[in-house]
Amino acid sequence: MNKKVGYLGPEATFSHLVVKKRFPDWQHHSLGSIEDIIEFVKTFADGEERIGLIPIENSTGGMILESVDLLLEEDFHLYIQEELSLNVQLALIGRKGQEIKEIYSHPTPLFYCRKWLKTKFPLAKIQKTASTSEAARIVSENPYSAALSTRLASEIYKLDILEFPVLEGNVNLTQFFVLSLFPYFGSTAETTIVFSVKDEPGSLCSFLEPFRDGKLNIKRIVSRPIPGKLNTYLFLLSVQAGKESVALEKALQKAEKFAIWIKSLGSYPIRETFNV
């Protein structure tokens, strides 16, 4: 069976690093957007197994709202197979001995390293790019520049590593969901649901109380507006309990009474944290 995994490209992004570490023997497919990854998983052929890796949260930049919005869509019919984490260690890459007039990167690393950049390169112009890999590509074609990117990007684009790791000792975690057409059948540690409640006082509190009463820890909860409907929201909630949990089953049964709409995105294991 052909095993294929789609990730947010281009090559040398942090998503690419994760699939190389977690799925080294699968075929890796670089895709242009999170929506493309979801469509990639859906459009499988006979004799194939397809999964997709999407970023869901960053410890510095917060929730990845594009991912959240797609998971909340009513016609989203994939399941979360597992959650992965990457301890992002950035590299400053460019050309040794060259003056640095511009520094390129994705907005999240630029925000994370803003004080470091201001201290070490006070005169450099900061330029935002779509990805850390795109930043490396631009630097490969642009003298007097550097990129906050990955060591893998330095290899691909034939650039020097000027500093690694940037901000040594700081933890900068990015969490990812692995998506599949099928639910995970093994032992699980976490469950994610999406739901909506009535637009009235106390409705969200009433929905959440069964989780508190069951001593279940809510890991993340995020609300997003429903387009075209004023003061109406959908919620994504991850709770630290798997499908084997009797407490979770009871909490969901009680919470469902207060929901207009509720759907499970699956229960799944939490895998190890990778370092780069």
C-alpha atoms as a PDB file:
ATOM      1  CA  MET A   1       0.000   0.000   0.000  1.00  0.00           C
ATOM      2  CA  ASN A   2       1.274   3.468  -0.912  1.00  0.00           C
ATOM      3  CA  LYS A   3       1.519   5.662   2.174  1.00  0.00           C
ATOM      4  CA  LYS A   4       1.366   9.398   1.557  1.00  0.00           C
ATOM      5  CA  VAL A   5       1.469  12.349   3.929  1.00  0.00           C
ATOM      6  CA  GLY A   6       0.673  15.928   2.955  1.00  0.00           C
ATOM      7  CA  TYR A   7       2.271  18.859   4.741  1.00  0.00           C
ATOM      8  CA  LEU A   8       2.376  22.632   4.533  1.00  0.00           C
ATOM      9  CA  GLY A   9       5.221  23.380   2.156  1.00  0.00           C
ATOM     10  CA  PRO A  10       7.518  24.241   0.596  1.00  0.00           C
ATOM     11  CA  GLU A  11      10.415  21.977   1.540  1.00  0.00           C
ATOM     12  CA  ALA A  12      12.340  22.810   4.724  1.00  0.00           C
ATOM     13  CA  THR A  13       9.358  24.264   6.608  1.00  0.00           C
ATOM     14  CA  PHE A  14       8.821  23.111  10.181  1.00  0.00           C
ATOM     15  CA  SER A  15       5.942  20.948   8.933  1.00  0.00           C
ATOM     16  CA  HIS A  16       8.377  19.261   6.547  1.00  0.00           C
ATOM     17  CA  LEU A  17      10.785  18.601   9.412  1.00  0.00           C
ATOM     18  CA  VAL A  18       8.011  16.958  11.423  1.00  0.00           C
ATOM     19  CA  VAL A  19       6.938  14.570   8.643  1.00  0.00           C
ATOM     20  CA  LYS A  20      10.580  13.656   7.990  1.00  0.00           C
ATOM     21  CA  LYS A  21      10.978  12.695  11.646  1.00  0.00           C
ATOM     22  CA  ARG A  22       7.584  11.085  12.292  1.00  0.00           C
ATOM     23  CA  PHE A  23       6.909   9.495   8.883  1.00  0.00           C
ATOM     24  CA  PRO A  24      10.345   8.914   7.306  1.00  0.00           C
ATOM     25  CA  ASP A  25       9.200   6.010   5.108  1.00  0.00           C
ATOM     26  CA  TRP A  26       6.064   7.679   3.720  1.00  0.00           C
ATOM     27  CA  GLN A  27       5.866   9.676   0.501  1.00  0.00           C
ATOM     28  CA  HIS A  28       6.009  13.358   1.432  1.00  0.00           C
ATOM     29  CA  HIS A  29       3.814  15.795  -0.500  1.00  0.00           C
ATOM     30  CA  SER A  30       4.410  19.538  -0.192  1.00  0.00           C
ATOM     31  CA  LEU A  31       1.149  21.488  -0.427  1.00  0.00           C
ATOM     32  CA  GLY A  32       0.364  25.180  -0.634  1.00  0.00           C
ATOM     33  CA  SER A  33      -2.275  25.633   2.071  1.00  0.00           C
ATOM     34  CA  ILE A  34      -3.970  23.918   5.001  1.00  0.00           C
ATOM     35  CA  GLU A  35      -7.110  23.574   2.889  1.00  0.00           C
ATOM     36  CA  ASP A  36      -5.034  21.808   0.220  1.00  0.00           C
ATOM     37  CA  ILE A  37      -3.851  19.324   2.873  1.00  0.00           C
ATOM     38  CA  ILE A  38      -7.433  18.494   3.826  1.00  0.00           C
ATOM     39  CA  GLU A  39      -8.413  17.969   0.187  1.00  0.00           C
ATOM     40  CA  PHE A  40      -5.304  15.826  -0.312  1.00  0.00           C
ATOM     41  CA  VAL A  41      -6.416  13.476   2.477  1.00  0.00           C
ATOM     42  CA  LYS A  42      -9.953  13.246   1.064  1.00  0.00           C
ATOM     43  CA  THR A  43      -8.945  12.464  -2.525  1.00  0.00           C
ATOM     44  CA  PHE A  44      -7.216   9.134  -1.984  1.00  0.00           C
ATOM     45  CA  ALA A  45      -7.099   6.306  -4.527  1.00  0.00           C
ATOM     46  CA  ASP A  46      -7.405   2.540  -4.129  1.00  0.00           C
ATOM     47  CA  GLY A  47      -4.280   1.031  -2.624  1.00  0.00           C
ATOM     48  CA  GLU A  48      -3.354   4.271  -0.846  1.00  0.00           C
ATOM     49  CA  GLU A  49      -3.270   5.473   2.712  1.00  0.00           C
ATOM     50  CA  ARG A  50      -3.275   9.250   3.043  1.00  0.00           C
ATOM     51  CA  ILE A  51      -2.838  11.484   6.065  1.00  0.00           C
ATOM     52  CA  GLY A  52      -2.229  15.203   6.458  1.00  0.00           C
ATOM     53  CA  LEU A  53      -0.249  17.229   8.979  1.00  0.00           C
ATOM     54  CA  ILE A  54      -1.606  20.656   9.949  1.00  0.00           C
ATOM     55  CA  PRO A  55      -0.303  23.120  12.566  1.00  0.00           C
ATOM     56  CA  ILE A  56      -2.853  23.884  15.268  1.00  0.00           C
ATOM     57  CA  GLU A  57      -1.111  25.974  17.942  1.00  0.00           C
ATOM     58  CA  ASN A  58       2.143  27.775  18.650  1.00  0.00           C
ATOM     59  CA  SER A  59       3.300  28.648  22.151  1.00  0.00           C
ATOM     60  CA  THR A  60       4.314  32.120  20.971  1.00  0.00           C
ATOM     61  CA  GLY A  61       1.809  33.007  18.248  1.00  0.00           C
ATOM     62  CA  GLY A  62      -1.231  31.189  19.668  1.00  0.00           C
ATOM     63  CA  MET A  63      -3.850  29.238  17.734  1.00  0.00           C
ATOM     64  CA  ILE A  64      -3.454  28.770  13.974  1.00  0.00           C
ATOM     65  CA  LEU A  65      -6.798  30.274  13.021  1.00  0.00           C
ATOM     66  CA  GLU A  66      -6.838  28.938   9.460  1.00  0.00           C
ATOM     67  CA  SER A  67      -6.661  25.407  10.864  1.00  0.00           C
ATOM     68  CA  VAL A  68      -9.304  26.126  13.501  1.00  0.00           C
ATOM     69  CA  ASP A  69     -11.733  27.587  10.950  1.00  0.00           C
ATOM     70  CA  LEU A  70     -11.433  24.553   8.669  1.00  0.00           C
ATOM     71  CA  LEU A  71     -11.892  22.097  11.555  1.00  0.00           C
ATOM     72  CA  LEU A  72     -15.051  23.955  12.569  1.00  0.00           C
ATOM     73  CA  GLU A  73     -16.730  23.657   9.178  1.00  0.00           C
ATOM     74  CA  GLU A  74     -19.871  21.516   9.250  1.00  0.00           C
ATOM     75  CA  ASP A  75     -18.782  19.495   6.206  1.00  0.00           C
ATOM     76  CA  PHE A  76     -15.376  18.698   7.724  1.00  0.00           C
ATOM     77  CA  HIS A  77     -15.373  14.892   7.864  1.00  0.00           C
ATOM     78  CA  LEU A  78     -11.820  13.953   8.790  1.00  0.00           C
ATOM     79  CA  TYR A  79     -10.555  12.650  12.124  1.00  0.00           C
ATOM     80  CA  ILE A  80      -7.561  13.577  14.251  1.00  0.00           C
ATOM     81  CA  GLN A  81      -5.200  10.594  14.376  1.00  0.00           C
ATOM     82  CA  GLU A  82      -2.616  12.042  16.743  1.00  0.00           C
ATOM     83  CA  GLU A  83      -1.089  15.217  18.101  1.00  0.00           C
ATOM     84  CA  LEU A  84       2.593  15.978  17.590  1.00  0.00           C
ATOM     85  CA  SER A  85       4.784  18.737  18.978  1.00  0.00           C
ATOM     86  CA  LEU A  86       7.934  20.337  17.636  1.00  0.00           C
ATOM     87  CA  ASN A  87      10.364  22.305  19.769  1.00  0.00           C
ATOM     88  CA  VAL A  88      11.245  24.903  17.184  1.00  0.00           C
ATOM     89  CA  GLN A  89      14.911  25.871  17.232  1.00  0.00           C
ATOM     90  CA  LEU A  90      15.537  28.603  14.722  1.00  0.00           C
ATOM     91  CA  ALA A  91      18.701  29.195  12.765  1.00  0.00           C
ATOM     92  CA  LEU A  92      19.886  32.474  11.301  1.00  0.00           C
ATOM     93  CA  ILE A  93      21.149  31.577   7.832  1.00  0.00           C
ATOM     94  CA  GLY A  94      22.839  33.632   5.136  1.00  0.00           C
ATOM     95  CA  ARG A  95      26.405  34.194   3.942  1.00  0.00           C
ATOM     96  CA  LYS A  96      29.354  34.315   6.300  1.00  0.00           C
ATOM     97  CA  GLY A  97      31.256  37.595   6.257  1.00  0.00           C
ATOM     98  CA  GLN A  98      28.451  39.434   4.453  1.00  0.00           C
ATOM     99  CA  GLU A  99      26.798  42.557   5.817  1.00  0.00           C
ATOM    100  CA  ILE A 100      23.139  41.921   6.726  1.00  0.00           C
ATOM    101  CA  LYS A 101      20.803  44.674   5.567  1.00  0.00           C
ATOM    102  CA  GLU A 102      17.554  42.670   5.472  1.00  0.00           C
ATOM    103  CA  ILE A 103      16.208  39.767   7.541  1.00  0.00           C
ATOM    104  CA  TYR A 104      13.377  37.599   6.219  1.00  0.00           C
ATOM    105  CA  SER A 105      11.058  35.163   7.971  1.00  0.00           C
ATOM    106  CA  HIS A 106       7.493  34.157   8.731  1.00  0.00           C
ATOM    107  CA  PRO A 107       5.712  36.646  11.070  1.00  0.00           C
ATOM    108  CA  THR A 108       5.685  34.231  14.047  1.00  0.00           C
ATOM    109  CA  PRO A 109       9.500  33.749  14.268  1.00  0.00           C
ATOM    110  CA  LEU A 110       9.967  37.468  13.661  1.00  0.00           C
ATOM    111  CA  PHE A 111       7.705  38.254  16.610  1.00  0.00           C
ATOM    112  CA  TYR A 112       9.312  35.587  18.796  1.00  0.00           C
ATOM    113  CA  CYS A 113      12.830  36.925  18.060  1.00  0.00           C
ATOM    114  CA  ARG A 114      11.988  40.624  17.818  1.00  0.00           C
ATOM    115  CA  LYS A 115      14.081  41.726  20.836  1.00  0.00           C
ATOM    116  CA  TRP A 116      17.020  39.575  19.773  1.00  0.00           C
ATOM    117  CA  LEU A 117      16.873  41.017  16.252  1.00  0.00           C
ATOM    118  CA  LYS A 118      16.647  44.577  17.527  1.00  0.00           C
ATOM    119  CA  THR A 119      19.705  44.045  19.729  1.00  0.00           C
ATOM    120  CA  LYS A 120      21.911  42.236  17.208  1.00  0.00           C
ATOM    121  CA  PHE A 121      20.748  43.844  13.948  1.00  0.00           C
ATOM    122  CA  PRO A 122      19.300  47.256  14.850  1.00  0.00           C
ATOM    123  CA  LEU A 123      19.730  48.647  11.326  1.00  0.00           C
ATOM    124  CA  ALA A 124      18.442  45.626   9.388  1.00  0.00           C
ATOM    125  CA  LYS A 125      15.085  45.893   7.622  1.00  0.00           C
ATOM    126  CA  ILE A 126      12.662  43.177   8.741  1.00  0.00           C
ATOM    127  CA  GLN A 127      10.741  41.486   5.911  1.00  0.00           C
ATOM    128  CA  LYS A 128       7.774  39.106   6.393  1.00  0.00           C
ATOM    129  CA  THR A 129       7.371  36.014   4.210  1.00  0.00           C
ATOM    130  CA  ALA A 130       4.793  33.241   3.821  1.00  0.00           C
ATOM    131  CA  SER A 131       7.076  30.649   5.429  1.00  0.00           C
ATOM    132  CA  THR A 132      10.565  30.233   6.882  1.00  0.00           C
ATOM    133  CA  SER A 133      11.470  28.176   3.822  1.00  0.00           C
ATOM    134  CA  GLU A 134      10.350  30.957   1.483  1.00  0.00           C
ATOM    135  CA  ALA A 135      12.542  33.301   3.516  1.00  0.00           C
ATOM    136  CA  ALA A 136      15.553  31.062   2.870  1.00  0.00           C
ATOM    137  CA  ARG A 137      14.789  30.938  -0.859  1.00  0.00           C
ATOM    138  CA  ILE A 138      14.657  34.741  -1.048  1.00  0.00           C
ATOM    139  CA  VAL A 139      17.937  35.053   0.843  1.00  0.00           C
ATOM    140  CA  SER A 140      19.590  32.581  -1.535  1.00  0.00           C
ATOM    141  CA  GLU A 141      18.882  35.071  -4.343  1.00  0.00           C
ATOM    142  CA  ASN A 142      19.489  38.270  -2.393  1.00  0.00           C
ATOM    143  CA  PRO A 143      22.954  39.338  -1.183  1.00  0.00           C
ATOM    144  CA  TYR A 144      23.250  41.259   2.095  1.00  0.00           C
ATOM    145  CA  SER A 145      20.331  39.396   3.651  1.00  0.00           C
ATOM    146  CA  ALA A 146      19.647  36.613   6.160  1.00  0.00           C
ATOM    147  CA  ALA A 147      16.707  34.438   7.166  1.00  0.00           C
ATOM    148  CA  LEU A 148      15.306  33.095  10.400  1.00  0.00           C
ATOM    149  CA  SER A 149      14.700  29.577   9.192  1.00  0.00           C
ATOM    150  CA  THR A 150      15.899  25.980   9.669  1.00  0.00           C
ATOM    151  CA  ARG A 151      19.185  24.164   9.284  1.00  0.00           C
ATOM    152  CA  LEU A 152      17.545  22.011   6.629  1.00  0.00           C
ATOM    153  CA  ALA A 153      16.759  25.155   4.629  1.00  0.00           C
ATOM    154  CA  SER A 154      20.415  26.142   4.777  1.00  0.00           C
ATOM    155  CA  GLU A 155      21.321  22.800   3.170  1.00  0.00           C
ATOM    156  CA  ILE A 156      18.665  23.048   0.454  1.00  0.00           C
ATOM    157  CA  TYR A 157      19.476  26.639  -0.484  1.00  0.00           C
ATOM    158  CA  LYS A 158      23.268  26.392   0.028  1.00  0.00           C
ATOM    159  CA  LEU A 159      23.438  28.985   2.796  1.00  0.00           C
ATOM    160  CA  ASP A 160      25.677  29.252   5.851  1.00  0.00           C
ATOM    161  CA  ILE A 161      24.419  28.840   9.405  1.00  0.00           C
ATOM    162  CA  LEU A 162      25.281  32.143  11.056  1.00  0.00           C
ATOM    163  CA  GLU A 163      23.796  31.289  14.455  1.00  0.00           C
ATOM    164  CA  PHE A 164      22.095  28.214  15.923  1.00  0.00           C
ATOM    165  CA  PRO A 165      20.045  27.977  17.941  1.00  0.00           C
ATOM    166  CA  VAL A 166      18.698  31.499  18.053  1.00  0.00           C
ATOM    167  CA  LEU A 167      17.509  32.261  21.600  1.00  0.00           C
ATOM    168  CA  GLU A 168      19.113  29.140  23.057  1.00  0.00           C
ATOM    169  CA  GLY A 169      17.262  27.766  26.074  1.00  0.00           C
ATOM    170  CA  ASN A 170      13.884  29.267  25.153  1.00  0.00           C
ATOM    171  CA  VAL A 171      11.059  26.819  24.498  1.00  0.00           C
ATOM    172  CA  ASN A 172       9.005  27.549  21.377  1.00  0.00           C
ATOM    173  CA  LEU A 173       6.582  24.684  20.791  1.00  0.00           C
ATOM    174  CA  THR A 174       4.366  24.191  17.756  1.00  0.00           C
ATOM    175  CA  GLN A 175       1.641  21.544  17.984  1.00  0.00           C
ATOM    176  CA  PHE A 176       0.263  19.674  14.982  1.00  0.00           C
ATOM    177  CA  PHE A 177      -2.738  17.452  14.240  1.00  0.00           C
ATOM    178  CA  VAL A 178      -2.407  14.434  11.965  1.00  0.00           C
ATOM    179  CA  LEU A 179      -5.654  14.057   9.990  1.00  0.00           C
ATOM    180  CA  SER A 180      -7.144  10.935   8.417  1.00  0.00           C
ATOM    181  CA  LEU A 181     -10.401   9.737   6.908  1.00  0.00           C
ATOM    182  CA  PHE A 182     -10.652   7.233   9.758  1.00  0.00           C
ATOM    183  CA  PRO A 183     -10.695   7.543  13.553  1.00  0.00           C
ATOM    184  CA  TYR A 184      -7.822   6.264  15.670  1.00  0.00           C
ATOM    185  CA  PHE A 185      -8.523   2.795  17.086  1.00  0.00           C
ATOM    186  CA  GLY A 186      -5.750   2.401  19.690  1.00  0.00           C
ATOM    187  CA  SER A 187      -5.376   3.801  23.190  1.00  0.00           C
ATOM    188  CA  THR A 188      -5.993   7.535  23.364  1.00  0.00           C
ATOM    189  CA  ALA A 189      -5.143  10.442  25.646  1.00  0.00           C
ATOM    190  CA  GLU A 190      -7.031  13.436  24.271  1.00  0.00           C
ATOM    191  CA  THR A 191     -10.336  14.251  22.555  1.00  0.00           C
ATOM    192  CA  THR A 192     -11.319  17.258  20.434  1.00  0.00           C
ATOM    193  CA  ILE A 193     -14.892  18.347  19.765  1.00  0.00           C
ATOM    194  CA  VAL A 194     -16.543  21.261  17.979  1.00  0.00           C
ATOM    195  CA  PHE A 195     -19.853  22.713  19.129  1.00  0.00           C
ATOM    196  CA  SER A 196     -22.162  25.713  19.317  1.00  0.00           C
ATOM    197  CA  VAL A 197     -24.493  26.899  22.081  1.00  0.00           C
ATOM    198  CA  LYS A 198     -27.444  29.270  22.278  1.00  0.00           C
ATOM    199  CA  ASP A 199     -26.821  33.017  22.282  1.00  0.00           C
ATOM    200  CA  GLU A 200     -28.012  33.539  25.839  1.00  0.00           C
ATOM    201  CA  PRO A 201     -26.441  34.213  29.263  1.00  0.00           C
ATOM    202  CA  GLY A 202     -24.741  31.214  30.838  1.00  0.00           C
ATOM    203  CA  SER A 203     -25.058  28.880  27.854  1.00  0.00           C
ATOM    204  CA  LEU A 204     -21.318  28.270  27.480  1.00  0.00           C
ATOM    205  CA  CYS A 205     -20.895  27.916  31.238  1.00  0.00           C
ATOM    206  CA  SER A 206     -23.671  25.312  31.355  1.00  0.00           C
ATOM    207  CA  PHE A 207     -21.974  23.366  28.542  1.00  0.00           C
ATOM    208  CA  LEU A 208     -18.601  23.362  30.317  1.00  0.00           C
ATOM    209  CA  GLU A 209     -19.767  22.553  33.853  1.00  0.00           C
ATOM    210  CA  PRO A 210     -19.966  18.766  33.269  1.00  0.00           C
ATOM    211  CA  PHE A 211     -16.242  18.742  32.410  1.00  0.00           C
ATOM    212  CA  ARG A 212     -15.442  20.558  35.650  1.00  0.00           C
ATOM    213  CA  ASP A 213     -17.685  18.226  37.639  1.00  0.00           C
ATOM    214  CA  GLY A 214     -15.969  15.223  36.042  1.00  0.00           C
ATOM    215  CA  LYS A 215     -12.533  16.659  36.958  1.00  0.00           C
ATOM    216  CA  LEU A 216     -11.570  16.744  33.287  1.00  0.00           C
ATOM    217  CA  ASN A 217      -8.901  19.209  32.207  1.00  0.00           C
ATOM    218  CA  ILE A 218      -9.710  21.357  29.179  1.00  0.00           C
ATOM    219  CA  LYS A 219      -6.452  21.822  27.287  1.00  0.00           C
ATOM    220  CA  ARG A 220      -7.652  24.351  24.733  1.00  0.00           C
ATOM    221  CA  ILE A 221     -10.861  26.156  23.860  1.00  0.00           C
ATOM    222  CA  VAL A 222     -11.205  28.701  21.080  1.00  0.00           C
ATOM    223  CA  SER A 223     -14.230  30.517  19.683  1.00  0.00           C
ATOM    224  CA  ARG A 224     -14.720  31.665  16.108  1.00  0.00           C
ATOM    225  CA  PRO A 225     -17.589  33.736  14.688  1.00  0.00           C
ATOM    226  CA  ILE A 226     -20.007  32.132  12.243  1.00  0.00           C
ATOM    227  CA  PRO A 227     -19.832  34.214   9.033  1.00  0.00           C
ATOM    228  CA  GLY A 228     -23.020  36.190   8.430  1.00  0.00           C
ATOM    229  CA  LYS A 229     -24.467  35.529  11.898  1.00  0.00           C
ATOM    230  CA  LEU A 230     -24.006  38.317  14.436  1.00  0.00           C
ATOM    231  CA  ASN A 231     -22.944  37.248  17.958  1.00  0.00           C
ATOM    232  CA  THR A 232     -23.033  33.563  16.994  1.00  0.00           C
ATOM    233  CA  TYR A 233     -19.968  31.424  17.549  1.00  0.00           C
ATOM    234  CA  LEU A 234     -18.554  27.963  17.049  1.00  0.00           C
ATOM    235  CA  PHE A 235     -16.110  26.500  19.572  1.00  0.00           C
ATOM    236  CA  LEU A 236     -13.233  24.053  19.317  1.00  0.00           C
ATOM    237  CA  LEU A 237     -12.415  22.262  22.574  1.00  0.00           C
ATOM    238  CA  SER A 238      -9.688  19.741  23.404  1.00  0.00           C
ATOM    239  CA  VAL A 239      -9.935  17.828  26.675  1.00  0.00           C
ATOM    240  CA  GLN A 240      -7.207  15.678  28.212  1.00  0.00           C
ATOM    241  CA  ALA A 241      -9.130  12.402  28.223  1.00  0.00           C
ATOM    242  CA  GLY A 242      -9.475   9.659  25.631  1.00  0.00           C
ATOM    243  CA  LYS A 243     -12.417   7.627  24.413  1.00  0.00           C
ATOM    244  CA  GLU A 244     -11.758   5.083  27.164  1.00  0.00           C
ATOM    245  CA  SER A 245     -12.642   7.639  29.851  1.00  0.00           C
ATOM    246  CA  VAL A 246     -15.987   6.997  31.566  1.00  0.00           C
ATOM    247  CA  ALA A 247     -15.831  10.516  33.035  1.00  0.00           C
ATOM    248  CA  LEU A 248     -15.528  12.000  29.546  1.00  0.00           C
ATOM    249  CA  GLU A 249     -18.430   9.922  28.244  1.00  0.00           C
ATOM    250  CA  LYS A 250     -20.656  11.131  31.076  1.00  0.00           C
ATOM    251  CA  ALA A 251     -19.544  14.766  30.655  1.00  0.00           C
ATOM    252  CA  LEU A 252     -20.309  14.721  26.924  1.00  0.00           C
ATOM    253  CA  GLN A 253     -23.756  13.226  27.540  1.00  0.00           C
ATOM    254  CA  LYS A 254     -24.581  16.050  29.964  1.00  0.00           C
ATOM    255  CA  ALA A 255     -22.969  18.810  27.885  1.00  0.00           C
ATOM    256  CA  GLU A 256     -24.821  17.736  24.747  1.00  0.00           C
ATOM    257  CA  LYS A 257     -28.109  18.901  26.312  1.00  0.00           C
ATOM    258  CA  PHE A 258     -26.842  22.492  26.180  1.00  0.00           C
ATOM    259  CA  ALA A 259     -25.464  22.357  22.614  1.00  0.00           C
ATOM    260  CA  ILE A 260     -27.185  23.401  19.422  1.00  0.00           C
ATOM    261  CA  TRP A 261     -24.654  21.369  17.474  1.00  0.00           C
ATOM    262  CA  ILE A 262     -21.809  19.120  18.559  1.00  0.00           C
ATOM    263  CA  LYS A 263     -19.390  16.869  16.697  1.00  0.00           C
ATOM    264  CA  SER A 264     -16.342  14.872  17.726  1.00  0.00           C
ATOM    265  CA  LEU A 265     -13.140  15.185  15.711  1.00  0.00           C
ATOM    266  CA  GLY A 266     -11.844  12.063  17.400  1.00  0.00           C
ATOM    267  CA  SER A 267      -9.840  10.753  20.328  1.00  0.00           C
ATOM    268  CA  TYR A 268      -6.130  10.262  19.728  1.00  0.00           C
ATOM    269  CA  PRO A 269      -2.721   9.754  21.355  1.00  0.00           C
ATOM    270  CA  ILE A 270      -0.189  12.471  22.170  1.00  0.00           C
ATOM    271  CA  ARG A 271       3.158  11.646  20.583  1.00  0.00           C
ATOM    272  CA  GLU A 272       6.631  12.678  21.643  1.00  0.00           C
ATOM    273  CA  THR A 273       7.982  16.183  21.190  1.00  0.00           C
ATOM    274  CA  PHE A 274      10.554  16.411  18.410  1.00  0.00           C
ATOM    275  CA  ASN A 275      13.530  18.771  18.443  1.00  0.00           C
ATOM    276  CA  VAL A 276      15.145  20.423  15.435  1.00  0.00           C
END
